[in-house]
PDB file of N, CA and C in Angstrom:
ATOM      1  N   MET A   1      15.221  82.057  39.263  1.00  0.00           N
ATOM      2  CA  MET A   1      14.506  81.361  38.422  1.00  0.00           C
ATOM      3  C   MET A   1      13.261  81.881  38.439  1.00  0.00           C
ATOM      4  N   LYS A   2      12.938  82.343  36.799  1.00  0.00           N
ATOM      5  CA  LYS A   2      11.555  82.720  36.397  1.00  0.00           C
ATOM      6  C   LYS A   2      10.461  81.306  36.677  1.00  0.00           C
ATOM      7  N   PRO A   3       9.220  81.679  36.732  1.00  0.00           N
ATOM      8  CA  PRO A   3       8.342  80.956  36.746  1.00  0.00           C
ATOM      9  C   PRO A   3       8.204  80.159  35.032  1.00  0.00           C
ATOM     10  N   ILE A   4       7.526  78.927  34.653  1.00  0.00           N
ATOM     11  CA  ILE A   4       7.344  78.448  33.514  1.00  0.00           C
ATOM     12  C   ILE A   4       6.348  79.375  32.955  1.00  0.00           C
ATOM     13  N   GLY A   5       5.246  80.098  33.425  1.00  0.00           N
ATOM     14  CA  GLY A   5       4.462  81.134  32.931  1.00  0.00           C
ATOM     15  C   GLY A   5       5.020  82.054  32.212  1.00  0.00           C
ATOM     16  N   HIS A   6       6.101  82.552  32.839  1.00  0.00           N
ATOM     17  CA  HIS A   6       6.980  83.806  32.337  1.00  0.00           C
ATOM     18  C   HIS A   6       7.509  83.394  30.756  1.00  0.00           C
ATOM     19  N   TRP A   7       8.084  82.306  30.672  1.00  0.00           N
ATOM     20  CA  TRP A   7       8.876  81.710  29.410  1.00  0.00           C
ATOM     21  C   TRP A   7       7.711  81.416  28.586  1.00  0.00           C
ATOM     22  N   LEU A   8       6.699  80.687  28.836  1.00  0.00           N
ATOM     23  CA  LEU A   8       5.724  80.419  27.835  1.00  0.00           C
ATOM     24  C   LEU A   8       5.235  81.952  27.389  1.00  0.00           C
ATOM     25  N   ARG A   9       4.876  82.933  27.803  1.00  0.00           N
ATOM     26  CA  ARG A   9       4.551  84.162  27.606  1.00  0.00           C
ATOM     27  C   ARG A   9       5.506  84.655  26.833  1.00  0.00           C
ATOM     28  N   HIS A  10       6.732  84.831  27.506  1.00  0.00           N
ATOM     29  CA  HIS A  10       7.987  85.586  26.873  1.00  0.00           C
ATOM     30  C   HIS A  10       7.903  84.701  25.102  1.00  0.00           C
ATOM     31  N   ASN A  11       7.704  83.291  25.122  1.00  0.00           N
ATOM     32  CA  ASN A  11       7.998  82.839  24.003  1.00  0.00           C
ATOM     33  C   ASN A  11       6.844  83.173  22.819  1.00  0.00           C
ATOM     34  N   HIS A  12       5.786  83.391  23.287  1.00  0.00           N
ATOM     35  CA  HIS A  12       4.571  83.430  22.815  1.00  0.00           C
ATOM     36  C   HIS A  12       4.713  85.106  22.243  1.00  0.00           C
ATOM     37  N   GLU A  13       5.432  85.978  22.548  1.00  0.00           N
ATOM     38  CA  GLU A  13       5.516  87.183  22.398  1.00  0.00           C
ATOM     39  C   GLU A  13       6.610  87.291  21.308  1.00  0.00           C
ATOM     40  N   LEU A  14       7.774  86.408  21.317  1.00  0.00           N
ATOM     41  CA  LEU A  14       8.665  86.619  20.237  1.00  0.00           C
ATOM     42  C   LEU A  14       8.011  85.683  18.970  1.00  0.00           C
ATOM     43  N   LEU A  15       7.175  84.964  18.984  1.00  0.00           N
ATOM     44  CA  LEU A  15       6.342  84.380  17.944  1.00  0.00           C
ATOM     45  C   LEU A  15       5.464  85.156  16.992  1.00  0.00           C
ATOM     46  N   GLU A  16       4.939  85.889  18.080  1.00  0.00           N
ATOM     47  CA  GLU A  16       4.001  87.061  17.433  1.00  0.00           C
ATOM     48  C   GLU A  16       4.788  88.105  16.862  1.00  0.00           C
ATOM     49  N   LYS A  17       5.974  88.440  17.350  1.00  0.00           N
ATOM     50  CA  LYS A  17       6.863  89.398  16.378  1.00  0.00           C
ATOM     51  C   LYS A  17       7.184  88.536  15.286  1.00  0.00           C
ATOM     52  N   ALA A  18       7.854  87.509  15.303  1.00  0.00           N
ATOM     53  CA  ALA A  18       8.304  87.000  14.187  1.00  0.00           C
ATOM     54  C   ALA A  18       7.378  86.703  12.928  1.00  0.00           C
ATOM     55  N   LEU A  19       5.942  86.515  13.343  1.00  0.00           N
ATOM     56  CA  LEU A  19       4.817  86.513  12.482  1.00  0.00           C
ATOM     57  C   LEU A  19       4.597  87.758  11.737  1.00  0.00           C
ATOM     58  N   ASP A  20       4.595  88.697  12.792  1.00  0.00           N
ATOM     59  CA  ASP A  20       4.230  90.136  12.661  1.00  0.00           C
ATOM     60  C   ASP A  20       4.710  90.804  11.014  1.00  0.00           C
ATOM     61  N   GLN A  21       6.105  90.937  10.774  1.00  0.00           N
ATOM     62  CA  GLN A  21       6.450  91.270   9.500  1.00  0.00           C
ATOM     63  C   GLN A  21       5.899  90.150   8.100  1.00  0.00           C
ATOM     64  N   PRO A  22       6.557  88.820   8.263  1.00  0.00           N
ATOM     65  CA  PRO A  22       5.703  88.393   6.949  1.00  0.00           C
ATOM     66  C   PRO A  22       4.142  88.585   6.811  1.00  0.00           C
ATOM     67  N   LEU A  23       3.424  87.881   7.812  1.00  0.00           N
ATOM     68  CA  LEU A  23       2.088  88.173   7.725  1.00  0.00           C
ATOM     69  C   LEU A  23       1.440  89.676   7.381  1.00  0.00           C
ATOM     70  N   GLY A  24       1.955  90.791   8.047  1.00  0.00           N
ATOM     71  CA  GLY A  24       1.827  92.253   7.636  1.00  0.00           C
ATOM     72  C   GLY A  24       2.154  92.313   6.000  1.00  0.00           C
ATOM     73  N   THR A  25       2.708  91.818   5.585  1.00  0.00           N
ATOM     74  CA  THR A  25       2.785  92.064   3.957  1.00  0.00           C
ATOM     75  C   THR A  25       1.617  92.001   3.239  1.00  0.00           C
ATOM     76  N   TYR A  26       0.784  90.550   3.755  1.00  0.00           N
ATOM     77  CA  TYR A  26      -0.448  90.375   3.495  1.00  0.00           C
ATOM     78  C   TYR A  26      -1.655  90.995   4.083  1.00  0.00           C
ATOM     79  N   HIS A  27      -1.442  91.862   5.048  1.00  0.00           N
ATOM     80  CA  HIS A  27      -2.360  92.551   5.893  1.00  0.00           C
ATOM     81  C   HIS A  27      -3.096  91.884   6.701  1.00  0.00           C
ATOM     82  N   LEU A  28      -2.443  90.806   7.054  1.00  0.00           N
ATOM     83  CA  LEU A  28      -2.957  89.747   7.898  1.00  0.00           C
ATOM     84  C   LEU A  28      -2.161  89.631   9.515  1.00  0.00           C
ATOM     85  N   THR A  29      -3.087  89.636  10.402  1.00  0.00           N
ATOM     86  CA  THR A  29      -2.786  89.334  11.668  1.00  0.00           C
ATOM     87  C   THR A  29      -2.571  87.386  11.865  1.00  0.00           C
ATOM     88  N   ARG A  30      -1.685  87.097  13.065  1.00  0.00           N
ATOM     89  CA  ARG A  30      -1.543  85.983  13.162  1.00  0.00           C
ATOM     90  C   ARG A  30      -2.964  85.039  13.211  1.00  0.00           C
ATOM     91  N   ARG A  31      -3.923  85.620  14.382  1.00  0.00           N
ATOM     92  CA  ARG A  31      -5.242  85.130  14.346  1.00  0.00           C
ATOM     93  C   ARG A  31      -6.093  84.968  12.798  1.00  0.00           C
ATOM     94  N   GLN A  32      -5.724  85.941  12.225  1.00  0.00           N
ATOM     95  CA  GLN A  32      -6.657  85.822  10.600  1.00  0.00           C
ATOM     96  C   GLN A  32      -5.808  84.672   9.849  1.00  0.00           C
ATOM     97  N   TRP A  33      -4.605  84.590  10.181  1.00  0.00           N
ATOM     98  CA  TRP A  33      -3.827  83.409   9.354  1.00  0.00           C
ATOM     99  C   TRP A  33      -4.196  82.102  10.183  1.00  0.00           C
ATOM    100  N   GLN A  34      -4.297  82.015  11.223  1.00  0.00           N
ATOM    101  CA  GLN A  34      -4.956  80.965  11.644  1.00  0.00           C
ATOM    102  C   GLN A  34      -6.181  80.585  11.188  1.00  0.00           C
ATOM    103  N   VAL A  35      -7.272  81.361  11.282  1.00  0.00           N
ATOM    104  CA  VAL A  35      -8.896  81.149  10.211  1.00  0.00           C
ATOM    105  C   VAL A  35      -8.280  80.508   9.066  1.00  0.00           C
ATOM    106  N   LEU A  36      -7.437  81.201   8.381  1.00  0.00           N
ATOM    107  CA  LEU A  36      -7.267  81.035   6.703  1.00  0.00           C
ATOM    108  C   LEU A  36      -6.716  79.460   7.077  1.00  0.00           C
ATOM    109  N   ASN A  37      -5.897  79.170   7.689  1.00  0.00           N
ATOM    110  CA  ASN A  37      -4.867  77.665   7.783  1.00  0.00           C
ATOM    111  C   ASN A  37      -6.235  76.884   8.123  1.00  0.00           C
ATOM    112  N   SER A  38      -7.285  76.958   9.008  1.00  0.00           N
ATOM    113  CA  SER A  38      -8.045  76.062   9.544  1.00  0.00           C
ATOM    114  C   SER A  38      -9.122  75.727   8.123  1.00  0.00           C
ATOM    115  N   VAL A  39      -9.172  76.785   7.392  1.00  0.00           N
ATOM    116  CA  VAL A  39      -9.921  76.608   6.265  1.00  0.00           C
ATOM    117  C   VAL A  39      -9.295  75.882   5.134  1.00  0.00           C
ATOM    118  N   ALA A  40      -8.132  75.936   4.952  1.00  0.00           N
ATOM    119  CA  ALA A  40      -7.306  75.371   4.219  1.00  0.00           C
ATOM    120  C   ALA A  40      -7.336  74.146   4.435  1.00  0.00           C
ATOM    121  N   GLN A  41      -7.398  73.688   5.595  1.00  0.00           N
ATOM    122  CA  GLN A  41      -7.053  72.175   6.286  1.00  0.00           C
ATOM    123  C   GLN A  41      -8.494  71.374   6.718  1.00  0.00           C
ATOM    124  N   GLY A  42      -9.666  72.002   5.798  1.00  0.00           N
ATOM    125  CA  GLY A  42     -10.801  71.349   5.596  1.00  0.00           C
ATOM    126  C   GLY A  42     -11.852  71.783   6.585  1.00  0.00           C
ATOM    127  N   ALA A  43     -11.509  72.976   7.512  1.00  0.00           N
ATOM    128  CA  ALA A  43     -13.040  73.377   8.245  1.00  0.00           C
ATOM    129  C   ALA A  43     -13.636  73.936   7.328  1.00  0.00           C
ATOM    130  N   ARG A  44     -14.981  74.085   7.191  1.00  0.00           N
ATOM    131  CA  ARG A  44     -15.896  74.633   6.295  1.00  0.00           C
ATOM    132  C   ARG A  44     -17.103  75.422   6.765  1.00  0.00           C
ATOM    133  N   THR A  45     -17.373  75.108   7.974  1.00  0.00           N
ATOM    134  CA  THR A  45     -18.478  75.665   8.833  1.00  0.00           C
ATOM    135  C   THR A  45     -17.602  76.883   9.922  1.00  0.00           C
ATOM    136  N   THR A  46     -18.817  77.964  10.280  1.00  0.00           N
ATOM    137  CA  THR A  46     -17.794  78.397  11.382  1.00  0.00           C
ATOM    138  C   THR A  46     -17.601  77.444  12.952  1.00  0.00           C
ATOM    139  N   GLU A  47     -18.383  76.959  12.815  1.00  0.00           N
ATOM    140  CA  GLU A  47     -18.486  75.735  13.834  1.00  0.00           C
ATOM    141  C   GLU A  47     -16.902  75.115  14.136  1.00  0.00           C
ATOM    142  N   GLN A  48     -16.655  74.389  12.711  1.00  0.00           N
ATOM    143  CA  GLN A  48     -15.423  73.642  12.516  1.00  0.00           C
ATOM    144  C   GLN A  48     -14.171  74.628  12.820  1.00  0.00           C
ATOM    145  N   VAL A  49     -14.251  75.961  12.435  1.00  0.00           N
ATOM    146  CA  VAL A  49     -13.521  76.693  12.639  1.00  0.00           C
ATOM    147  C   VAL A  49     -13.099  76.923  14.094  1.00  0.00           C
ATOM    148  N   ASP A  50     -14.332  77.308  14.670  1.00  0.00           N
ATOM    149  CA  ASP A  50     -14.088  77.340  16.185  1.00  0.00           C
ATOM    150  C   ASP A  50     -13.724  76.369  16.747  1.00  0.00           C
ATOM    151  N   GLU A  51     -13.975  75.072  16.524  1.00  0.00           N
ATOM    152  CA  GLU A  51     -13.598  74.047  17.206  1.00  0.00           C
ATOM    153  C   GLU A  51     -12.037  73.884  16.698  1.00  0.00           C
ATOM    154  N   THR A  52     -11.304  74.056  15.401  1.00  0.00           N
ATOM    155  CA  THR A  52     -10.079  74.096  15.367  1.00  0.00           C
ATOM    156  C   THR A  52      -8.882  74.822  15.938  1.00  0.00           C
ATOM    157  N   LEU A  53      -9.493  76.189  16.374  1.00  0.00           N
ATOM    158  CA  LEU A  53      -9.170  77.034  17.133  1.00  0.00           C
ATOM    159  C   LEU A  53      -9.463  77.503  18.626  1.00  0.00           C
ATOM    160  N   LYS A  54     -10.169  76.434  18.964  1.00  0.00           N
ATOM    161  CA  LYS A  54     -10.411  76.412  20.419  1.00  0.00           C
ATOM    162  C   LYS A  54      -8.954  76.224  21.375  1.00  0.00           C
ATOM    163  N   PRO A  55      -8.218  75.737  21.156  1.00  0.00           N
ATOM    164  CA  PRO A  55      -7.275  75.423  21.902  1.00  0.00           C
ATOM    165  C   PRO A  55      -6.136  76.830  21.795  1.00  0.00           C
ATOM    166  N   PHE A  56      -6.517  77.667  21.192  1.00  0.00           N
ATOM    167  CA  PHE A  56      -6.026  79.247  20.942  1.00  0.00           C
ATOM    168  C   PHE A  56      -6.580  80.418  21.628  1.00  0.00           C
ATOM    169  N   VAL A  57      -7.598  79.628  22.119  1.00  0.00           N
ATOM    170  CA  VAL A  57      -8.549  80.833  22.592  1.00  0.00           C
ATOM    171  C   VAL A  57      -8.150  81.003  23.986  1.00  0.00           C
ATOM    172  N   ALA A  58      -7.834  82.294  24.263  1.00  0.00           N
ATOM    173  CA  ALA A  58      -7.280  83.016  25.934  1.00  0.00           C
ATOM    174  C   ALA A  58      -8.527  82.892  26.953  1.00  0.00           C
TER     175      ALA A  58
END
């Protein structure tokens, strides 16, 4: 049986691949989309964007 970390990484890679094509149409990466989405959700300063994206920083 593979450890949970393996499956988390595997799911992350599947998500990245699934988003590459639709976001690529707009020349965006997943990270760029996350920034734009955080602004759309109300983040107005760099600090607010940073705070919103903090859970996604490796």
